[in-house]
N, C-alpha and C. Protein backbone atom coordinates (compact mmCIF):
# COMPACT_ATOMS: atom_id res chain seq x y z
N UNK A 1 16.00 12.90 -0.46
CA UNK A 1 15.57 11.61 -0.55
C UNK A 1 13.79 12.17 -0.26
N UNK A 2 12.79 10.97 -1.01
CA UNK A 2 11.71 11.34 -0.83
C UNK A 2 10.81 10.61 0.13
N UNK A 3 11.36 11.87 1.42
CA UNK A 3 10.34 11.47 2.92
C UNK A 3 9.01 12.05 2.99
N UNK A 4 8.32 11.33 4.05
CA UNK A 4 7.43 11.34 5.21
C UNK A 4 7.18 10.96 6.71
N UNK A 5 6.73 11.46 7.42
CA UNK A 5 6.28 12.14 8.59
C UNK A 5 4.31 11.68 8.79
N UNK A 6 4.17 11.22 9.69
CA UNK A 6 2.51 11.36 9.18
C UNK A 6 2.20 11.08 10.45
N UNK A 7 1.20 11.73 11.83
CA UNK A 7 0.69 11.46 12.43
C UNK A 7 -0.68 11.36 12.54
N UNK A 8 -1.24 10.62 13.24
CA UNK A 8 -3.30 10.48 13.72
C UNK A 8 -3.28 9.97 14.63
N UNK A 9 -4.09 11.06 15.25
CA UNK A 9 -4.58 11.12 16.78
C UNK A 9 -6.28 11.27 16.66
N UNK A 10 -6.95 10.40 16.62
CA UNK A 10 -8.21 10.39 17.06
C UNK A 10 -8.76 9.11 18.20
N UNK A 11 -9.87 8.94 18.59
CA UNK A 11 -10.29 8.02 19.15
C UNK A 11 -10.68 6.60 19.44
N UNK A 12 -10.02 6.68 18.52
CA UNK A 12 -9.41 4.79 18.12
C UNK A 12 -8.26 4.59 17.81
N UNK A 13 -7.52 5.31 17.24
CA UNK A 13 -6.09 5.24 16.84
C UNK A 13 -5.57 6.27 17.11
N UNK A 14 -4.23 6.01 17.28
CA UNK A 14 -3.31 6.60 17.43
C UNK A 14 -2.15 6.04 16.37
N UNK A 15 -1.21 6.88 15.77
CA UNK A 15 -0.59 6.40 14.49
C UNK A 15 0.48 7.09 14.43
N UNK A 16 1.64 6.72 14.33
CA UNK A 16 2.79 7.40 13.76
C UNK A 16 3.49 6.69 13.01
N UNK A 17 4.03 6.98 11.54
CA UNK A 17 4.27 6.52 10.10
C UNK A 17 5.29 7.10 9.83
N UNK A 18 6.36 6.61 9.23
CA UNK A 18 7.59 7.56 8.37
C UNK A 18 7.68 6.35 7.74
N UNK A 19 8.06 7.06 6.48
CA UNK A 19 7.94 6.50 4.66
C UNK A 19 9.38 7.40 4.03
N UNK A 20 10.16 6.27 3.70
CA UNK A 20 10.96 6.74 2.65
C UNK A 20 11.10 5.91 1.54
N UNK A 21 10.61 6.72 0.32
CA UNK A 21 10.43 6.00 -1.20
C UNK A 21 11.57 5.29 -1.49
N UNK A 22 13.12 6.03 -1.00
CA UNK A 22 14.27 5.92 -2.01
C UNK A 22 15.44 5.12 -1.01
N UNK A 23 14.35 3.62 -0.29
CA UNK A 23 14.70 2.87 0.95
C UNK A 23 15.70 1.93 0.37
N UNK A 24 15.61 0.85 1.25
CA UNK A 24 16.52 -0.62 0.68
C UNK A 24 15.10 -1.77 1.53
N UNK A 25 13.97 -1.27 1.76
CA UNK A 25 13.49 -2.44 2.07
C UNK A 25 13.17 -2.51 3.65
N UNK A 26 13.29 -1.64 4.43
CA UNK A 26 14.11 -1.89 5.85
C UNK A 26 12.67 -1.26 6.91
N UNK A 27 11.73 -2.08 7.11
CA UNK A 27 10.52 -2.35 7.94
C UNK A 27 11.01 -1.80 9.74
N UNK A 28 9.90 -1.79 10.41
CA UNK A 28 9.97 -1.63 11.69
C UNK A 28 8.00 -1.07 12.04
N UNK A 29 7.52 -2.49 12.03
CA UNK A 29 6.20 -2.48 12.45
C UNK A 29 5.69 -2.92 13.35
N UNK A 30 4.59 -2.04 14.16
CA UNK A 30 3.70 -2.51 15.40
C UNK A 30 2.49 -1.70 15.52
N UNK A 31 2.32 -2.69 14.78
CA UNK A 31 0.34 -2.23 14.32
C UNK A 31 -0.96 -2.31 16.10
N UNK A 32 -0.23 -3.94 15.84
CA UNK A 32 -1.22 -4.57 16.86
C UNK A 32 -2.13 -5.61 16.87
N UNK A 33 -1.61 -5.54 14.76
CA UNK A 33 -2.63 -6.44 14.56
C UNK A 33 -1.59 -6.90 13.71
N UNK A 34 -1.65 -8.63 14.29
CA UNK A 34 0.00 -9.07 13.99
C UNK A 34 -0.10 -9.52 12.04
N UNK A 35 -1.08 -8.94 11.70
CA UNK A 35 -1.43 -10.18 9.91
C UNK A 35 -0.60 -8.73 9.27
N UNK A 36 -1.27 -7.61 9.67
CA UNK A 36 -0.87 -6.26 9.47
C UNK A 36 0.52 -6.34 9.03
N UNK A 37 1.26 -6.45 10.38
CA UNK A 37 2.84 -6.23 10.27
C UNK A 37 2.97 -7.37 9.45
N UNK A 38 2.98 -8.42 9.35
CA UNK A 38 3.04 -9.29 8.33
C UNK A 38 3.66 -8.83 6.75
N UNK A 39 2.43 -8.50 6.99
CA UNK A 39 2.02 -7.51 4.97
C UNK A 39 2.78 -6.36 4.96
N UNK A 40 2.79 -5.67 5.93
CA UNK A 40 3.32 -4.14 6.13
C UNK A 40 4.99 -4.38 5.45
N UNK A 41 5.16 -5.84 6.38
CA UNK A 41 6.46 -5.57 5.53
C UNK A 41 7.43 -6.29 4.95
N UNK A 42 6.45 -7.14 4.34
CA UNK A 42 5.89 -7.94 2.90
C UNK A 42 6.52 -6.72 1.32
N UNK A 43 5.54 -5.97 2.21
CA UNK A 43 5.17 -4.65 1.17
C UNK A 43 6.34 -3.94 0.96
N UNK A 44 7.34 -3.48 2.32
CA UNK A 44 8.13 -2.19 2.65
C UNK A 44 9.47 -3.37 1.49
N UNK A 45 9.94 -4.11 2.04
CA UNK A 45 10.59 -5.33 1.51
C UNK A 45 10.70 -5.20 -0.14
N UNK A 46 9.62 -5.23 -0.88
CA UNK A 46 9.39 -5.72 -2.24
C UNK A 46 9.11 -4.23 -2.77
N UNK A 47 8.80 -3.14 -2.30
CA UNK A 47 8.97 -2.23 -2.70
C UNK A 47 10.22 -1.28 -2.17
N UNK A 48 11.55 -1.79 -1.67
CA UNK A 48 12.40 -0.96 -1.22
C UNK A 48 12.40 0.37 -0.96
N UNK A 49 10.73 -0.13 0.27
CA UNK A 49 10.43 1.38 0.99
C UNK A 49 10.95 1.05 2.12
N UNK A 50 11.86 2.04 3.23
CA UNK A 50 12.04 1.93 4.27
C UNK A 50 10.64 2.52 4.50
N UNK A 51 9.99 1.60 6.12
CA UNK A 51 8.93 2.01 6.72
C UNK A 51 8.90 1.74 8.22
N UNK A 52 8.18 2.61 9.10
CA UNK A 52 7.86 2.25 10.09
C UNK A 52 6.35 2.59 10.27
N UNK A 53 5.99 2.14 11.15
CA UNK A 53 5.04 2.48 11.64
C UNK A 53 4.34 1.77 13.32
N UNK A 54 4.55 3.02 14.13
CA UNK A 54 3.56 2.72 15.17
C UNK A 54 1.91 2.96 15.59
N UNK A 55 1.41 2.25 15.43
CA UNK A 55 -0.64 2.31 16.21
C UNK A 55 -0.86 1.51 17.31
N UNK A 56 -1.51 2.73 18.45
CA UNK A 56 -2.13 2.02 18.81
C UNK A 56 -3.93 2.17 18.69
N UNK A 57 -4.29 1.58 18.60
CA UNK A 57 -5.80 0.90 18.69
C UNK A 57 -7.02 0.30 19.52
N UNK A 58 -8.09 0.88 18.59
CA UNK A 58 -8.92 -0.32 20.00
C UNK A 58 -9.10 -1.51 19.16
N UNK A 59 -8.28 -1.93 19.72
CA UNK A 59 -8.33 -3.71 18.56
C UNK A 59 -8.74 -4.66 19.72
N UNK A 60 -9.36 -4.42 20.47
CA UNK A 60 -10.01 -5.26 21.75
C UNK A 60 -11.66 -5.21 20.96
N UNK A 61 -11.86 -3.91 20.56
CA UNK A 61 -13.28 -4.08 19.37
C UNK A 61 -12.88 -4.87 18.08
N UNK A 62 -12.06 -4.94 17.60
CA UNK A 62 -11.73 -5.45 16.47
C UNK A 62 -10.57 -5.01 15.68
N UNK A 63 -10.06 -5.48 14.34
CA UNK A 63 -8.53 -4.34 13.67
C UNK A 63 -9.43 -3.78 12.73
N UNK A 64 -10.35 -3.20 12.58
CA UNK A 64 -11.15 -2.46 11.56
C UNK A 64 -10.33 -0.70 11.52
N UNK A 65 -10.46 -0.27 12.53
CA UNK A 65 -10.11 0.65 12.51
C UNK A 65 -8.56 1.28 12.61
N UNK A 66 -8.03 0.13 13.09
CA UNK A 66 -6.41 0.13 12.68
C UNK A 66 -5.86 0.38 11.80
N UNK A 67 -6.40 -1.07 10.45
CA UNK A 67 -6.08 -1.16 9.52
C UNK A 67 -6.21 -0.39 8.46
N UNK A 68 -7.98 0.67 8.72
CA UNK A 68 -8.61 1.19 8.00
C UNK A 68 -7.25 3.20 8.09
N UNK A 69 -7.12 2.62 9.20
CA UNK A 69 -6.21 4.44 9.75
C UNK A 69 -4.80 4.03 9.03
N UNK A 70 -4.21 3.13 9.41
CA UNK A 70 -3.00 2.72 9.02
C UNK A 70 -3.10 2.60 7.17
N UNK A 71 -4.15 2.50 6.52
CA UNK A 71 -4.29 2.90 4.87
C UNK A 71 -4.59 3.93 4.95
N UNK A 72 -4.95 4.58 5.73
CA UNK A 72 -5.28 6.25 5.62
C UNK A 72 -3.33 7.13 5.64
N UNK A 73 -3.10 6.46 6.73
CA UNK A 73 -1.38 7.45 7.29
C UNK A 73 -0.64 7.06 5.58
N UNK A 74 -0.46 5.72 5.24
CA UNK A 74 0.20 5.36 4.24
C UNK A 74 -0.25 6.30 2.56
N UNK A 75 -1.40 6.10 2.11
CA UNK A 75 -1.44 6.81 1.57
C UNK A 75 -1.07 8.60 2.01
N UNK A 76 -1.51 9.10 2.88
CA UNK A 76 -0.60 10.06 2.63
C UNK A 76 0.48 10.15 2.72
N UNK A 77 1.71 9.69 3.50
CA UNK A 77 2.93 9.29 3.32
C UNK A 77 2.93 9.10 1.47
N UNK A 78 2.15 8.55 1.08
CA UNK A 78 2.77 8.90 -0.27
C UNK A 78 2.65 9.83 -1.23
N UNK A 79 1.98 10.36 -0.60
CA UNK A 79 0.78 11.68 -1.21
C UNK A 79 2.25 12.70 -0.97
N UNK A 80 2.24 13.06 -0.13
CA UNK A 80 3.98 13.86 0.91
C UNK A 80 5.20 13.48 0.43
N UNK A 81 5.42 12.19 0.15
CA UNK A 81 6.55 12.47 -0.45
C UNK A 81 7.03 12.10 -1.57
N UNK A 82 5.48 12.36 -2.68
CA UNK A 82 5.58 12.62 -3.95
C UNK A 82 5.49 13.92 -4.32
N UNK A 83 5.36 14.76 -3.31
CA UNK A 83 4.89 16.26 -4.39
C UNK A 83 4.21 16.07 -4.70
N UNK A 84 4.75 17.36 -6.27
CA UNK A 84 4.03 17.19 -7.84
C UNK A 84 4.17 16.18 -8.34
N UNK A 85 4.83 15.00 -7.92
CA UNK A 85 5.42 13.81 -8.56
C UNK A 85 6.11 13.82 -10.11
N UNK A 86 7.32 15.16 -9.64
CA UNK A 86 7.62 15.29 -10.76
C UNK A 86 8.83 14.75 -10.93
N UNK A 87 8.72 13.96 -12.51
CA UNK A 87 9.91 13.17 -12.99
C UNK A 87 9.23 11.63 -12.61
N UNK A 88 8.51 11.37 -11.98
CA UNK A 88 7.83 9.64 -12.17
C UNK A 88 7.80 9.32 -12.78
N UNK A 89 7.31 8.01 -12.92
CA UNK A 89 7.32 6.75 -13.72
C UNK A 89 5.85 6.86 -13.89
N UNK A 90 4.98 6.50 -12.55
CA UNK A 90 3.87 7.08 -12.79
C UNK A 90 2.79 6.42 -12.83
N UNK A 91 3.04 4.98 -13.73
CA UNK A 91 2.74 3.46 -13.65
C UNK A 91 3.47 2.90 -13.62
N UNK A 92 2.61 1.28 -12.66
CA UNK A 92 3.46 0.41 -12.69
C UNK A 92 3.21 -1.18 -12.52
N UNK A 93 2.85 -2.14 -12.94
CA UNK A 93 2.52 -3.44 -12.37
C UNK A 93 3.27 -4.62 -12.44
N UNK A 94 2.51 -5.59 -11.80
CA UNK A 94 3.21 -6.26 -11.64
C UNK A 94 2.47 -7.61 -11.61
N UNK A 95 2.56 -8.62 -11.74
CA UNK A 95 2.65 -10.11 -11.79
C UNK A 95 2.87 -10.71 -10.61
N UNK A 96 1.86 -11.67 -9.58
CA UNK A 96 3.42 -11.80 -8.83
C UNK A 96 2.34 -13.70 -8.31
N UNK A 97 3.26 -14.78 -8.31
CA UNK A 97 3.03 -15.41 -7.79
C UNK A 97 3.52 -16.36 -6.57
N UNK A 98 3.14 -16.55 -6.20
CA UNK A 98 2.98 -16.82 -4.98
C UNK A 98 2.05 -18.67 -4.85
N UNK A 99 3.10 -19.50 -5.07
CA UNK A 99 3.05 -21.24 -4.91
C UNK A 99 1.24 -21.25 -5.69
N UNK A 100 0.38 -21.48 -5.39
CA UNK A 100 -0.89 -21.67 -6.39
C UNK A 100 -1.68 -20.14 -6.91
N UNK A 101 -1.24 -19.62 -5.97
CA UNK A 101 -1.78 -17.99 -6.19
C UNK A 101 -0.98 -17.54 -7.52
N UNK A 102 -2.09 -16.61 -7.93
CA UNK A 102 -1.70 -15.46 -8.98
C UNK A 102 -1.90 -14.64 -8.26
N UNK A 103 -1.73 -13.25 -8.76
CA UNK A 103 -2.19 -11.67 -8.73
C UNK A 103 -1.70 -10.93 -9.29
N UNK A 104 -2.02 -10.10 -9.95
CA UNK A 104 -1.65 -9.34 -10.71
C UNK A 104 -2.27 -7.92 -9.93
N UNK A 105 -1.07 -7.14 -10.35
CA UNK A 105 -1.02 -5.45 -9.00
C UNK A 105 -1.39 -4.50 -10.55
N UNK A 106 -1.86 -3.66 -10.52
CA UNK A 106 -1.70 -2.80 -11.31
C UNK A 106 -1.85 -1.06 -10.71
N UNK A 107 -1.10 0.22 -11.42
CA UNK A 107 -0.93 1.40 -10.42
C UNK A 107 -1.02 2.06 -11.48
N UNK A 108 -1.90 3.51 -11.31
CA UNK A 108 -1.70 4.69 -12.11
C UNK A 108 -2.02 5.85 -11.22
N UNK A 109 -0.35 6.22 -10.50
CA UNK A 109 -0.94 7.56 -9.52
C UNK A 109 -1.50 8.84 -10.19
N UNK A 110 -2.02 8.65 -10.90
CA UNK A 110 -3.13 10.09 -11.70
C UNK A 110 -3.42 11.12 -10.69
N UNK A 111 -3.72 10.89 -9.36
CA UNK A 111 -4.48 11.75 -8.92
C UNK A 111 -5.89 12.20 -8.97
N UNK A 112 -6.71 10.66 -9.60
CA UNK A 112 -7.94 10.26 -9.25
C UNK A 112 -7.62 8.88 -8.68
N UNK A 113 -8.85 8.86 -7.35
CA UNK A 113 -9.00 8.02 -6.94
C UNK A 113 -9.83 6.80 -7.32
N UNK A 114 -9.39 5.45 -7.51
CA UNK A 114 -10.35 4.52 -8.29
C UNK A 114 -9.87 2.53 -7.22
N UNK A 115 -10.24 1.81 -6.92
CA UNK A 115 -9.66 0.49 -6.05
C UNK A 115 -10.59 -0.69 -7.20
N UNK A 116 -9.97 -0.94 -8.17
CA UNK A 116 -10.58 -2.65 -8.48
C UNK A 116 -10.76 -3.15 -7.89
N UNK A 117 -10.63 -4.10 -7.64
CA UNK A 117 -10.57 -5.18 -6.16
C UNK A 117 -11.36 -6.46 -6.82
N UNK A 118 -11.34 -7.05 -7.36
CA UNK A 118 -11.46 -8.39 -8.40
C UNK A 118 -10.14 -9.79 -7.13
N UNK A 119 -10.61 -9.71 -5.89
CA UNK A 119 -9.91 -10.62 -5.35
C UNK A 119 -11.16 -11.31 -4.23
N UNK A 120 -10.78 -13.24 -4.35
CA UNK A 120 -12.09 -13.63 -3.81
C UNK A 120 -11.17 -14.23 -2.72
N UNK A 121 -11.65 -14.15 -1.39
CA UNK A 121 -10.71 -14.46 -0.30
C UNK A 121 -11.19 -15.93 0.50
N UNK A 122 -11.36 -17.62 0.02
CA UNK A 122 -11.87 -18.76 0.22
C UNK A 122 -12.21 -18.23 2.06
N UNK A 123 -11.34 -17.84 3.39
CA UNK A 123 -11.75 -17.69 4.71
C UNK A 123 -11.83 -16.55 4.55
N UNK A 124 -12.77 -16.50 6.22
CA UNK A 124 -13.26 -14.84 6.55
C UNK A 124 -12.13 -14.59 7.65
N UNK A 125 -11.10 -15.08 7.53
CA UNK A 125 -10.21 -14.89 9.16
C UNK A 125 -8.72 -15.36 8.65
N UNK A 126 -7.92 -14.87 9.15
CA UNK A 126 -6.32 -15.81 8.99
C UNK A 126 -5.99 -14.97 10.28
N UNK A 127 -5.28 -15.93 11.12
CA UNK A 127 -5.17 -16.11 12.36
C UNK A 127 -6.45 -14.93 12.87
N UNK A 128 -6.47 -13.47 13.64
CA UNK A 128 -7.42 -12.95 14.34
C UNK A 128 -7.46 -11.76 13.05
N UNK A 129 -6.95 -12.20 12.08
CA UNK A 129 -7.09 -10.88 10.92
C UNK A 129 -8.62 -11.26 10.62
N UNK A 130 -9.57 -10.05 10.28
CA UNK A 130 -10.51 -10.30 9.41
C UNK A 130 -10.30 -10.36 8.06
N UNK A 131 -10.56 -10.94 6.41
CA UNK A 131 -9.55 -10.51 5.91
C UNK A 131 -10.39 -9.81 4.88
N UNK A 132 -11.76 -9.19 4.79
CA UNK A 132 -12.59 -8.32 4.28
C UNK A 132 -12.09 -6.67 5.29
N UNK A 133 -10.54 -6.75 5.65
CA UNK A 133 -9.86 -5.86 5.91
C UNK A 133 -8.75 -4.92 4.71
N UNK A 134 -8.38 -6.41 4.35
CA UNK A 134 -7.74 -6.38 3.27
C UNK A 134 -7.91 -4.90 2.07
N UNK A 135 -9.41 -5.19 1.82
CA UNK A 135 -9.97 -4.49 0.50
C UNK A 135 -10.26 -3.09 1.05
N UNK A 136 -10.56 -2.38 2.49
CA UNK A 136 -10.72 -1.41 3.39
C UNK A 136 -9.06 -1.20 3.33
N UNK A 137 -8.23 -1.45 3.63
CA UNK A 137 -6.79 -0.87 3.46
C UNK A 137 -6.54 -0.42 2.82
N UNK A 138 -7.16 -0.74 0.76
CA UNK A 138 -6.20 -0.20 -0.49
C UNK A 138 -7.73 0.78 -0.66
N UNK A 139 -8.95 0.54 0.11
CA UNK A 139 -9.52 1.74 -0.15
C UNK A 139 -9.06 2.80 0.29
N UNK A 140 -8.65 2.48 1.74
CA UNK A 140 -7.98 4.03 2.27
C UNK A 140 -7.00 4.60 1.85
N UNK A 141 -6.07 3.56 1.46
CA UNK A 141 -4.94 4.30 0.69
C UNK A 141 -5.02 4.66 -0.68
N UNK A 142 -5.95 4.59 -1.34
CA UNK A 142 -6.02 5.17 -2.99
C UNK A 142 -6.99 6.23 -2.70
N UNK A 143 -7.84 6.43 -1.54
CA UNK A 143 -8.48 7.91 -1.57
C UNK A 143 -7.07 8.45 -0.47
N UNK A 144 -6.68 8.55 -0.07
CA UNK A 144 -5.46 9.70 0.01
C UNK A 144 -4.21 9.46 -0.52
N UNK A 145 -4.17 8.77 -1.59
CA UNK A 145 -2.74 9.02 -2.48
C UNK A 145 -3.81 8.18 -3.88
N UNK A 146 -4.46 9.78 -3.77
CA UNK A 146 -5.55 9.24 -4.88
C UNK A 146 -4.11 8.56 -6.04
N UNK A 147 -4.84 7.56 -6.68
CA UNK A 147 -4.73 6.67 -7.48
C UNK A 147 -5.58 5.94 -8.18
N UNK A 148 -5.38 5.58 -9.25
CA UNK A 148 -6.61 4.06 -10.37
C UNK A 148 -5.34 2.98 -10.14
N UNK A 149 -5.88 2.21 -8.81
CA UNK A 149 -5.19 0.94 -8.91
C UNK A 149 -6.54 -0.20 -9.23
N UNK A 150 -5.53 -1.72 -9.78
CA UNK A 150 -6.37 -2.73 -9.96
C UNK A 150 -5.51 -3.73 -8.94
N UNK A 151 -6.73 -4.27 -8.48
CA UNK A 151 -5.58 -5.53 -8.67
C UNK A 151 -6.83 -7.28 -8.55
N UNK A 152 -6.32 -7.46 -9.04
CA UNK A 152 -6.79 -8.99 -9.71
C UNK A 152 -6.01 -10.11 -9.30
N UNK A 153 -7.16 -11.13 -8.26
CA UNK A 153 -6.64 -12.52 -8.44
C UNK A 153 -6.20 -13.22 -9.38
N UNK A 154 -5.85 -13.81 -10.23
CA UNK A 154 -6.07 -14.52 -11.41
C UNK A 154 -6.10 -16.24 -11.14
N UNK A 155 -5.41 -16.75 -9.84
CA UNK A 155 -5.57 -18.09 -9.17
C UNK A 155 -5.11 -17.97 -7.80
N UNK A 156 -5.54 -18.46 -6.93
CA UNK A 156 -5.62 -19.16 -6.19
C UNK A 156 -6.24 -19.78 -5.19
N UNK A 157 -6.02 -20.15 -3.63
CA UNK A 157 -6.96 -21.07 -3.67
C UNK A 157 -6.71 -21.02 -1.40
N UNK A 158 -5.28 -20.53 -1.03
CA UNK A 158 -5.00 -20.39 0.28
C UNK A 158 -5.04 -18.90 0.56
N UNK A 159 -5.79 -18.24 1.31
CA UNK A 159 -6.39 -16.87 1.60
C UNK A 159 -5.10 -16.30 2.53
N UNK A 160 -4.05 -16.88 2.87
CA UNK A 160 -2.61 -16.64 3.54
C UNK A 160 -2.21 -15.56 1.96
N UNK A 161 -1.79 -16.69 1.15
CA UNK A 161 -0.85 -16.73 -0.31
C UNK A 161 -1.78 -15.70 -0.84
N UNK A 162 -2.82 -15.15 -1.03
CA UNK A 162 -3.60 -14.33 -1.76
C UNK A 162 -3.26 -13.14 -1.18
N UNK A 163 -3.20 -12.87 -0.04
CA UNK A 163 -3.48 -11.75 0.24
C UNK A 163 -1.97 -11.01 0.43
N UNK A 164 -0.99 -11.81 1.25
CA UNK A 164 0.80 -12.15 0.71
C UNK A 164 0.96 -11.12 -1.01
N UNK A 165 0.47 -12.40 -1.93
CA UNK A 165 1.04 -11.65 -3.12
C UNK A 165 0.42 -10.32 -3.31
N UNK A 166 -0.76 -9.98 -3.02
CA UNK A 166 -1.14 -8.12 -3.06
C UNK A 166 -0.37 -7.70 -2.09
N UNK A 167 -0.10 -8.00 -1.13
CA UNK A 167 1.02 -6.85 -0.92
C UNK A 167 2.48 -6.83 -1.27
N UNK A 168 2.76 -8.03 -1.46
CA UNK A 168 4.26 -8.23 -2.38
C UNK A 168 4.01 -7.42 -3.94
N UNK A 169 2.95 -7.77 -4.01
CA UNK A 169 2.63 -7.37 -5.34
C UNK A 169 2.42 -5.72 -5.53
N UNK A 170 1.53 -5.23 -4.67
CA UNK A 170 1.67 -3.42 -4.95
C UNK A 170 3.47 -3.20 -4.12
N UNK A 171 3.50 -4.14 -3.88
CA UNK A 171 5.02 -2.97 -3.20
C UNK A 171 5.88 -3.24 -4.20
N UNK A 172 6.06 -4.32 -5.37
CA UNK A 172 6.01 -4.37 -6.97
C UNK A 172 5.99 -2.93 -7.66
N UNK A 173 4.63 -2.82 -7.50
CA UNK A 173 3.94 -1.60 -8.15
C UNK A 173 3.76 -0.48 -8.17
N UNK A 174 4.19 -0.74 -6.93
CA UNK A 174 4.18 1.25 -6.61
C UNK A 174 5.92 1.18 -6.94
N UNK A 175 6.71 0.58 -5.82
CA UNK A 175 8.12 1.12 -6.96
C UNK A 175 7.95 1.31 -7.73
N UNK A 176 7.61 0.57 -9.00
CA UNK A 176 8.26 0.85 -10.36
C UNK A 176 7.06 2.56 -10.60
N UNK A 177 5.33 2.59 -10.28
CA UNK A 177 5.13 3.98 -10.20
C UNK A 177 5.81 4.73 -9.63
N UNK A 178 6.56 4.69 -8.55
CA UNK A 178 7.39 5.97 -7.37
C UNK A 178 8.77 6.51 -8.67
N UNK A 179 9.03 5.47 -8.28
CA UNK A 179 10.71 5.35 -9.59
C UNK A 179 10.85 6.57 -10.40
N UNK A 180 12.02 7.47 -9.99
CA UNK A 180 12.15 8.32 -11.52
C UNK A 180 12.86 7.79 -12.66
N UNK A 181 12.07 8.84 -13.62
CA UNK A 181 12.44 8.42 -15.36
C UNK A 181 13.46 9.42 -14.97
N UNK A 182 14.64 8.78 -15.60
CA UNK A 182 15.92 10.16 -16.03
C UNK A 182 15.57 10.57 -17.29
N UNK A 183 15.02 10.31 -18.09
CA UNK A 183 14.67 11.27 -20.00
C UNK A 183 13.53 12.24 -19.46
N UNK A 184 12.66 11.94 -18.25
CA UNK A 184 11.72 13.00 -17.89
C UNK A 184 12.41 13.73 -16.54
N UNK A 185 12.88 13.73 -15.90
CA UNK A 185 13.33 14.00 -14.86
C UNK A 185 12.17 15.37 -13.91
N UNK A 186 12.51 16.33 -15.08
CA UNK A 186 12.06 17.59 -14.92
C UNK A 186 10.65 17.76 -14.82
N UNK A 187 9.81 16.77 -15.90
CA UNK A 187 8.38 17.04 -15.99
C UNK A 187 7.51 16.39 -14.91
N UNK A 188 6.58 17.03 -14.95
CA UNK A 188 4.87 16.24 -14.16
C UNK A 188 4.39 14.97 -15.72
N UNK A 189 4.52 13.82 -15.43
CA UNK A 189 4.00 12.91 -16.47
C UNK A 189 2.35 12.88 -16.57
N UNK A 190 2.46 14.49 -16.98
CA UNK A 190 0.78 14.38 -17.74
C UNK A 190 0.97 14.59 -19.19
N UNK A 191 0.13 14.98 -19.97
CA UNK A 191 -0.07 16.25 -20.66
C UNK A 191 -0.77 17.44 -20.33
N UNK A 192 -1.55 17.21 -19.63
CA UNK A 192 -1.96 18.31 -18.62
C UNK A 192 -0.93 19.07 -17.66
N UNK A 193 -0.36 18.94 -16.86
CA UNK A 193 1.02 19.70 -16.96
C UNK A 193 0.77 19.30 -15.36
N UNK A 194 0.10 18.35 -15.08
CA UNK A 194 0.08 18.26 -13.65
C UNK A 194 -0.66 16.91 -13.61
N UNK A 195 -1.00 16.68 -12.17
CA UNK A 195 -1.59 14.89 -11.53
C UNK A 195 -2.03 15.37 -9.97
């Protein structure tokens, strides 16, 4: 099983995160940011990842540090669980509809960090969640699991639906990218021989 345990302890956040790439979609999430809990549960379920997150953060300031640092930890967990990336599919993509919303997610686990973010969020907040933090989360992820990730909103009017489509779509996309390719199980999926 490809698993990772990550701990991060700063003056702003204390995080413990466990990830199993070959799971069944079980999530046990307590971040102190309710909307992020919901998004990570959806991400785990649609990616078939087993994910446990515990975060104590300075949410009395706002959710920024917790959201960003959890993105850091999740990226590090993927990096740790993937190791040298031998035998993985490497690429993934998913076009996810959510009512009036349509979001395209694509990923290359290339070892190079790039986030293409073309998402127009009509509302600045969903509940107590500052919606601009969604981009910060995925930026933190790609900087710590170096990957080219593109998230493009094709349609959408409801901010909750748009963000839900992003996290569900990224779950499906990463599920494809980390899947084992039985035809090339002993190979690094690159002509360079390294990712």
